[in-house]
């Protein structure tokens, strides 16, 4: 099903960009449907924090230089 939706998205967007607004709408709709069926963002950790426990969440900027790159 995902492969079929991929082909529909590709062909419909191609026709839509050429100037057929109906096909552009079909392509966008198929793309949204495909994305809704297969969400790319999955949880990294799933669990429960009990009373008294701590959960440390850290984030880093992917553009920032690491310690080894600074030297």
PDB file of N, CA and C in Angstrom:
ATOM      1  N   UNK A   1       0.825  -1.190   0.000  1.00  0.00           N
ATOM      2  CA  UNK A   1       0.000   0.000   0.000  1.00  0.00           C
ATOM      3  C   UNK A   1       0.870   1.254   0.000  1.00  0.00           C
ATOM      4  N   UNK A   2       1.967   1.219   0.752  1.00  0.00           N
ATOM      5  CA  UNK A   2       2.841   2.380   0.834  1.00  0.00           C
ATOM      6  C   UNK A   2       3.495   2.658  -0.522  1.00  0.00           C
ATOM      7  N   UNK A   3       3.852   1.605  -1.205  1.00  0.00           N
ATOM      8  CA  UNK A   3       4.473   1.765  -2.522  1.00  0.00           C
ATOM      9  C   UNK A   3       3.490   2.387  -3.520  1.00  0.00           C
ATOM     10  N   UNK A   4       2.253   1.940  -3.466  1.00  0.00           N
ATOM     11  CA  UNK A   4       1.221   2.481  -4.345  1.00  0.00           C
ATOM     12  C   UNK A   4       0.980   3.963  -4.051  1.00  0.00           C
ATOM     13  N   UNK A   5       0.892   4.299  -2.780  1.00  0.00           N
ATOM     14  CA  UNK A   5       0.711   5.701  -2.412  1.00  0.00           C
ATOM     15  C   UNK A   5       1.898   6.554  -2.861  1.00  0.00           C
ATOM     16  N   UNK A   6       3.093   6.001  -2.778  1.00  0.00           N
ATOM     17  CA  UNK A   6       4.277   6.717  -3.231  1.00  0.00           C
ATOM     18  C   UNK A   6       4.213   7.029  -4.716  1.00  0.00           C
ATOM     19  N   UNK A   7       3.746   6.065  -5.498  1.00  0.00           N
ATOM     20  CA  UNK A   7       3.610   6.285  -6.936  1.00  0.00           C
ATOM     21  C   UNK A   7       2.532   7.329  -7.230  1.00  0.00           C
ATOM     22  N   UNK A   8       1.424   7.257  -6.506  1.00  0.00           N
ATOM     23  CA  UNK A   8       0.350   8.237  -6.697  1.00  0.00           C
ATOM     24  C   UNK A   8       0.855   9.639  -6.360  1.00  0.00           C
ATOM     25  N   UNK A   9       1.566   9.757  -5.258  1.00  0.00           N
ATOM     26  CA  UNK A   9       2.107  11.059  -4.853  1.00  0.00           C
ATOM     27  C   UNK A   9       3.038  11.596  -5.935  1.00  0.00           C
ATOM     28  N   UNK A  10       3.947  10.767  -6.390  1.00  0.00           N
ATOM     29  CA  UNK A  10       4.918  11.199  -7.381  1.00  0.00           C
ATOM     30  C   UNK A  10       4.249  11.660  -8.676  1.00  0.00           C
ATOM     31  N   UNK A  11       3.385  10.844  -9.208  1.00  0.00           N
ATOM     32  CA  UNK A  11       2.741  11.173 -10.486  1.00  0.00           C
ATOM     33  C   UNK A  11       1.778  12.344 -10.364  1.00  0.00           C
ATOM     34  N   UNK A  12       1.022  12.381  -9.282  1.00  0.00           N
ATOM     35  CA  UNK A  12       0.052  13.462  -9.121  1.00  0.00           C
ATOM     36  C   UNK A  12       0.757  14.804  -8.917  1.00  0.00           C
ATOM     37  N   UNK A  13       1.813  14.822  -8.135  1.00  0.00           N
ATOM     38  CA  UNK A  13       2.530  16.079  -7.928  1.00  0.00           C
ATOM     39  C   UNK A  13       3.196  16.538  -9.220  1.00  0.00           C
ATOM     40  N   UNK A  14       3.721  15.595  -9.984  1.00  0.00           N
ATOM     41  CA  UNK A  14       4.321  15.957 -11.260  1.00  0.00           C
ATOM     42  C   UNK A  14       3.300  16.622 -12.180  1.00  0.00           C
ATOM     43  N   UNK A  15       2.118  16.028 -12.260  1.00  0.00           N
ATOM     44  CA  UNK A  15       1.067  16.610 -13.096  1.00  0.00           C
ATOM     45  C   UNK A  15       0.558  17.924 -12.514  1.00  0.00           C
ATOM     46  N   UNK A  16       0.497  18.001 -11.199  1.00  0.00           N
ATOM     47  CA  UNK A  16       0.033  19.227 -10.558  1.00  0.00           C
ATOM     48  C   UNK A  16       0.973  20.390 -10.771  1.00  0.00           C
ATOM     49  N   UNK A  17       2.276  20.106 -10.736  1.00  0.00           N
ATOM     50  CA  UNK A  17       3.262  21.167 -10.949  1.00  0.00           C
ATOM     51  C   UNK A  17       3.206  21.656 -12.391  1.00  0.00           C
ATOM     52  N   UNK A  18       2.825  20.781 -13.310  1.00  0.00           N
ATOM     53  CA  UNK A  18       2.698  21.179 -14.720  1.00  0.00           C
ATOM     54  C   UNK A  18       1.494  22.086 -14.962  1.00  0.00           C
ATOM     55  N   UNK A  19       0.641  22.246 -13.962  1.00  0.00           N
ATOM     56  CA  UNK A  19      -0.448  23.194 -14.119  1.00  0.00           C
ATOM     57  C   UNK A  19      -1.841  22.634 -13.946  1.00  0.00           C
ATOM     58  N   UNK A  20      -1.959  21.422 -13.441  1.00  0.00           N
ATOM     59  CA  UNK A  20      -3.280  20.841 -13.215  1.00  0.00           C
ATOM     60  C   UNK A  20      -3.566  20.853 -11.710  1.00  0.00           C
ATOM     61  N   UNK A  21      -4.308  21.840 -11.220  1.00  0.00           N
ATOM     62  CA  UNK A  21      -4.505  21.999  -9.778  1.00  0.00           C
ATOM     63  C   UNK A  21      -5.226  20.825  -9.121  1.00  0.00           C
ATOM     64  N   UNK A  22      -6.087  20.146  -9.846  1.00  0.00           N
ATOM     65  CA  UNK A  22      -6.771  18.991  -9.261  1.00  0.00           C
ATOM     66  C   UNK A  22      -5.765  17.902  -8.904  1.00  0.00           C
ATOM     67  N   UNK A  23      -4.807  17.653  -9.792  1.00  0.00           N
ATOM     68  CA  UNK A  23      -3.795  16.628  -9.515  1.00  0.00           C
ATOM     69  C   UNK A  23      -2.860  17.067  -8.394  1.00  0.00           C
ATOM     70  N   UNK A  24      -2.626  18.349  -8.282  1.00  0.00           N
ATOM     71  CA  UNK A  24      -1.813  18.844  -7.164  1.00  0.00           C
ATOM     72  C   UNK A  24      -2.508  18.555  -5.842  1.00  0.00           C
ATOM     73  N   UNK A  25      -3.816  18.772  -5.804  1.00  0.00           N
ATOM     74  CA  UNK A  25      -4.586  18.482  -4.581  1.00  0.00           C
ATOM     75  C   UNK A  25      -4.587  16.984  -4.282  1.00  0.00           C
ATOM     76  N   UNK A  26      -4.714  16.157  -5.334  1.00  0.00           N
ATOM     77  CA  UNK A  26      -4.677  14.694  -5.143  1.00  0.00           C
ATOM     78  C   UNK A  26      -3.311  14.282  -4.601  1.00  0.00           C
ATOM     79  N   UNK A  27      -2.247  14.852  -5.144  1.00  0.00           N
ATOM     80  CA  UNK A  27      -0.896  14.524  -4.691  1.00  0.00           C
ATOM     81  C   UNK A  27      -0.659  14.911  -3.244  1.00  0.00           C
ATOM     82  N   UNK A  28      -1.096  16.089  -2.872  1.00  0.00           N
ATOM     83  CA  UNK A  28      -0.925  16.541  -1.480  1.00  0.00           C
ATOM     84  C   UNK A  28      -1.755  15.670  -0.540  1.00  0.00           C
ATOM     85  N   UNK A  29      -2.978  15.347  -0.949  1.00  0.00           N
ATOM     86  CA  UNK A  29      -3.822  14.484  -0.119  1.00  0.00           C
ATOM     87  C   UNK A  29      -3.223  13.105   0.065  1.00  0.00           C
ATOM     88  N   UNK A  30      -2.686  12.530  -1.017  1.00  0.00           N
ATOM     89  CA  UNK A  30      -2.060  11.211  -0.925  1.00  0.00           C
ATOM     90  C   UNK A  30      -0.800  11.264  -0.064  1.00  0.00           C
ATOM     91  N   UNK A  31      -0.042  12.363  -0.183  1.00  0.00           N
ATOM     92  CA  UNK A  31       1.157  12.504   0.640  1.00  0.00           C
ATOM     93  C   UNK A  31       0.796  12.575   2.128  1.00  0.00           C
ATOM     94  N   UNK A  32      -0.251  13.347   2.446  1.00  0.00           N
ATOM     95  CA  UNK A  32      -0.693  13.450   3.843  1.00  0.00           C
ATOM     96  C   UNK A  32      -1.193  12.110   4.363  1.00  0.00           C
ATOM     97  N   UNK A  33      -1.925  11.391   3.531  1.00  0.00           N
ATOM     98  CA  UNK A  33      -2.433  10.076   3.928  1.00  0.00           C
ATOM     99  C   UNK A  33      -1.278   9.109   4.166  1.00  0.00           C
ATOM    100  N   UNK A  34      -0.288   9.130   3.267  1.00  0.00           N
ATOM    101  CA  UNK A  34       0.871   8.251   3.409  1.00  0.00           C
ATOM    102  C   UNK A  34       1.638   8.583   4.684  1.00  0.00           C
ATOM    103  N   UNK A  35       1.811   9.859   4.945  1.00  0.00           N
ATOM    104  CA  UNK A  35       2.544  10.280   6.148  1.00  0.00           C
ATOM    105  C   UNK A  35       1.783   9.924   7.425  1.00  0.00           C
ATOM    106  N   UNK A  36       0.464  10.034   7.390  1.00  0.00           N
ATOM    107  CA  UNK A  36      -0.342   9.690   8.566  1.00  0.00           C
ATOM    108  C   UNK A  36      -0.304   8.188   8.845  1.00  0.00           C
ATOM    109  N   UNK A  37      -0.187   7.390   7.798  1.00  0.00           N
ATOM    110  CA  UNK A  37      -0.135   5.936   7.972  1.00  0.00           C
ATOM    111  C   UNK A  37       1.199   5.482   8.551  1.00  0.00           C
ATOM    112  N   UNK A  38       2.279   6.198   8.233  1.00  0.00           N
ATOM    113  CA  UNK A  38       3.625   5.820   8.673  1.00  0.00           C
ATOM    114  C   UNK A  38       4.323   7.004   9.334  1.00  0.00           C
ATOM    115  N   UNK A  39       3.981   7.295  10.565  1.00  0.00           N
ATOM    116  CA  UNK A  39       4.652   8.426  11.217  1.00  0.00           C
ATOM    117  C   UNK A  39       6.142   8.130  11.387  1.00  0.00           C
ATOM    118  N   UNK A  40       6.962   9.100  11.052  1.00  0.00           N
ATOM    119  CA  UNK A  40       8.405   8.898  11.121  1.00  0.00           C
ATOM    120  C   UNK A  40       8.960   9.143  12.519  1.00  0.00           C
ATOM    121  N   UNK A  41       8.303   9.934  13.313  1.00  0.00           N
ATOM    122  CA  UNK A  41       8.815  10.218  14.644  1.00  0.00           C
ATOM    123  C   UNK A  41       8.243   9.212  15.645  1.00  0.00           C
ATOM    124  N   UNK A  42       9.115   8.410  16.162  1.00  0.00           N
ATOM    125  CA  UNK A  42       8.744   7.427  17.164  1.00  0.00           C
ATOM    126  C   UNK A  42       9.401   7.818  18.491  1.00  0.00           C
ATOM    127  N   UNK A  43       8.806   7.432  19.605  1.00  0.00           N
ATOM    128  CA  UNK A  43       9.422   7.791  20.888  1.00  0.00           C
ATOM    129  C   UNK A  43      10.781   7.114  21.052  1.00  0.00           C
ATOM    130  N   UNK A  44      11.729   7.841  21.601  1.00  0.00           N
ATOM    131  CA  UNK A  44      13.055   7.285  21.849  1.00  0.00           C
ATOM    132  C   UNK A  44      13.035   6.421  23.099  1.00  0.00           C
ATOM    133  N   UNK A  45      12.292   6.853  24.090  1.00  0.00           N
ATOM    134  CA  UNK A  45      12.178   6.101  25.342  1.00  0.00           C
ATOM    135  C   UNK A  45      10.740   6.157  25.803  1.00  0.00           C
ATOM    136  N   UNK A  46      10.262   5.041  26.261  1.00  0.00           N
ATOM    137  CA  UNK A  46       8.901   4.972  26.768  1.00  0.00           C
ATOM    138  C   UNK A  46       8.961   4.272  28.118  1.00  0.00           C
ATOM    139  N   UNK A  47       8.497   4.925  29.123  1.00  0.00           N
ATOM    140  CA  UNK A  47       8.548   4.331  30.449  1.00  0.00           C
ATOM    141  C   UNK A  47       7.823   5.200  31.457  1.00  0.00           C
ATOM    142  N   UNK A  48       7.952   4.811  32.700  1.00  0.00           N
ATOM    143  CA  UNK A  48       7.282   5.524  33.769  1.00  0.00           C
ATOM    144  C   UNK A  48       8.320   5.971  34.790  1.00  0.00           C
ATOM    145  N   UNK A  49       8.195   7.205  35.213  1.00  0.00           N
ATOM    146  CA  UNK A  49       9.070   7.734  36.255  1.00  0.00           C
ATOM    147  C   UNK A  49       8.301   7.650  37.569  1.00  0.00           C
ATOM    148  N   UNK A  50       8.850   6.882  38.468  1.00  0.00           N
ATOM    149  CA  UNK A  50       8.218   6.680  39.769  1.00  0.00           C
ATOM    150  C   UNK A  50       8.540   7.842  40.698  1.00  0.00           C
ATOM    151  N   UNK A  51       7.737   8.052  41.717  1.00  0.00           N
ATOM    152  CA  UNK A  51       8.030   9.110  42.689  1.00  0.00           C
ATOM    153  C   UNK A  51       9.419   8.922  43.292  1.00  0.00           C
ATOM    154  N   UNK A  52      10.173  10.001  43.331  1.00  0.00           N
ATOM    155  CA  UNK A  52      11.532   9.940  43.863  1.00  0.00           C
ATOM    156  C   UNK A  52      12.584   9.745  42.777  1.00  0.00           C
ATOM    157  N   UNK A  53      12.192   9.320  41.601  1.00  0.00           N
ATOM    158  CA  UNK A  53      13.137   9.160  40.499  1.00  0.00           C
ATOM    159  C   UNK A  53      13.232  10.452  39.699  1.00  0.00           C
ATOM    160  N   UNK A  54      14.295  10.560  38.931  1.00  0.00           N
ATOM    161  CA  UNK A  54      14.493  11.730  38.099  1.00  0.00           C
ATOM    162  C   UNK A  54      14.686  11.289  36.651  1.00  0.00           C
ATOM    163  N   UNK A  55      14.290  12.151  35.754  1.00  0.00           N
ATOM    164  CA  UNK A  55      14.502  11.924  34.333  1.00  0.00           C
ATOM    165  C   UNK A  55      15.211  13.152  33.789  1.00  0.00           C
ATOM    166  N   UNK A  56      16.404  12.955  33.272  1.00  0.00           N
ATOM    167  CA  UNK A  56      17.196  14.047  32.744  1.00  0.00           C
ATOM    168  C   UNK A  56      17.097  14.032  31.222  1.00  0.00           C
ATOM    169  N   UNK A  57      16.605  15.123  30.655  1.00  0.00           N
ATOM    170  CA  UNK A  57      16.471  15.251  29.211  1.00  0.00           C
ATOM    171  C   UNK A  57      17.441  16.319  28.754  1.00  0.00           C
ATOM    172  N   UNK A  58      18.329  15.963  27.842  1.00  0.00           N
ATOM    173  CA  UNK A  58      19.280  16.931  27.311  1.00  0.00           C
ATOM    174  C   UNK A  58      19.134  16.993  25.796  1.00  0.00           C
ATOM    175  N   UNK A  59      19.382  18.164  25.289  1.00  0.00           N
ATOM    176  CA  UNK A  59      19.338  18.356  23.845  1.00  0.00           C
ATOM    177  C   UNK A  59      20.591  19.106  23.442  1.00  0.00           C
ATOM    178  N   UNK A  60      21.041  18.841  22.229  1.00  0.00           N
ATOM    179  CA  UNK A  60      22.191  19.591  21.745  1.00  0.00           C
ATOM    180  C   UNK A  60      21.897  20.111  20.346  1.00  0.00           C
ATOM    181  N   UNK A  61      22.563  21.169  20.001  1.00  0.00           N
ATOM    182  CA  UNK A  61      22.410  21.758  18.682  1.00  0.00           C
ATOM    183  C   UNK A  61      23.259  20.959  17.705  1.00  0.00           C
ATOM    184  N   UNK A  62      22.656  20.376  16.664  1.00  0.00           N
ATOM    185  CA  UNK A  62      23.444  19.569  15.729  1.00  0.00           C
ATOM    186  C   UNK A  62      24.482  20.392  14.957  1.00  0.00           C
ATOM    187  N   UNK A  63      24.307  21.703  14.911  1.00  0.00           N
ATOM    188  CA  UNK A  63      25.272  22.559  14.217  1.00  0.00           C
ATOM    189  C   UNK A  63      26.433  22.960  15.106  1.00  0.00           C
ATOM    190  N   UNK A  64      26.291  22.750  16.417  1.00  0.00           N
ATOM    191  CA  UNK A  64      27.333  23.152  17.347  1.00  0.00           C
ATOM    192  C   UNK A  64      28.547  22.218  17.204  1.00  0.00           C
ATOM    193  N   UNK A  65      29.709  22.767  17.424  1.00  0.00           N
ATOM    194  CA  UNK A  65      30.930  21.973  17.338  1.00  0.00           C
ATOM    195  C   UNK A  65      31.084  21.134  18.603  1.00  0.00           C
ATOM    196  N   UNK A  66      31.599  19.937  18.440  1.00  0.00           N
ATOM    197  CA  UNK A  66      31.846  19.080  19.601  1.00  0.00           C
ATOM    198  C   UNK A  66      33.160  19.507  20.260  1.00  0.00           C
ATOM    199  N   UNK A  67      33.455  18.908  21.394  1.00  0.00           N
ATOM    200  CA  UNK A  67      34.660  19.249  22.142  1.00  0.00           C
ATOM    201  C   UNK A  67      35.910  18.985  21.298  1.00  0.00           C
ATOM    202  N   UNK A  68      35.929  17.889  20.557  1.00  0.00           N
ATOM    203  CA  UNK A  68      37.101  17.558  19.749  1.00  0.00           C
ATOM    204  C   UNK A  68      37.238  18.500  18.564  1.00  0.00           C
ATOM    205  N   UNK A  69      36.157  19.070  18.044  1.00  0.00           N
ATOM    206  CA  UNK A  69      36.224  19.981  16.915  1.00  0.00           C
ATOM    207  C   UNK A  69      36.661  21.374  17.321  1.00  0.00           C
ATOM    208  N   UNK A  70      36.510  21.728  18.587  1.00  0.00           N
ATOM    209  CA  UNK A  70      36.862  23.075  19.055  1.00  0.00           C
ATOM    210  C   UNK A  70      38.366  23.279  19.122  1.00  0.00           C
ATOM    211  N   UNK A  71      39.074  22.215  19.372  1.00  0.00           N
ATOM    212  CA  UNK A  71      40.525  22.337  19.561  1.00  0.00           C
ATOM    213  C   UNK A  71      41.265  22.628  18.279  1.00  0.00           C
TER     214      UNK A  71
END
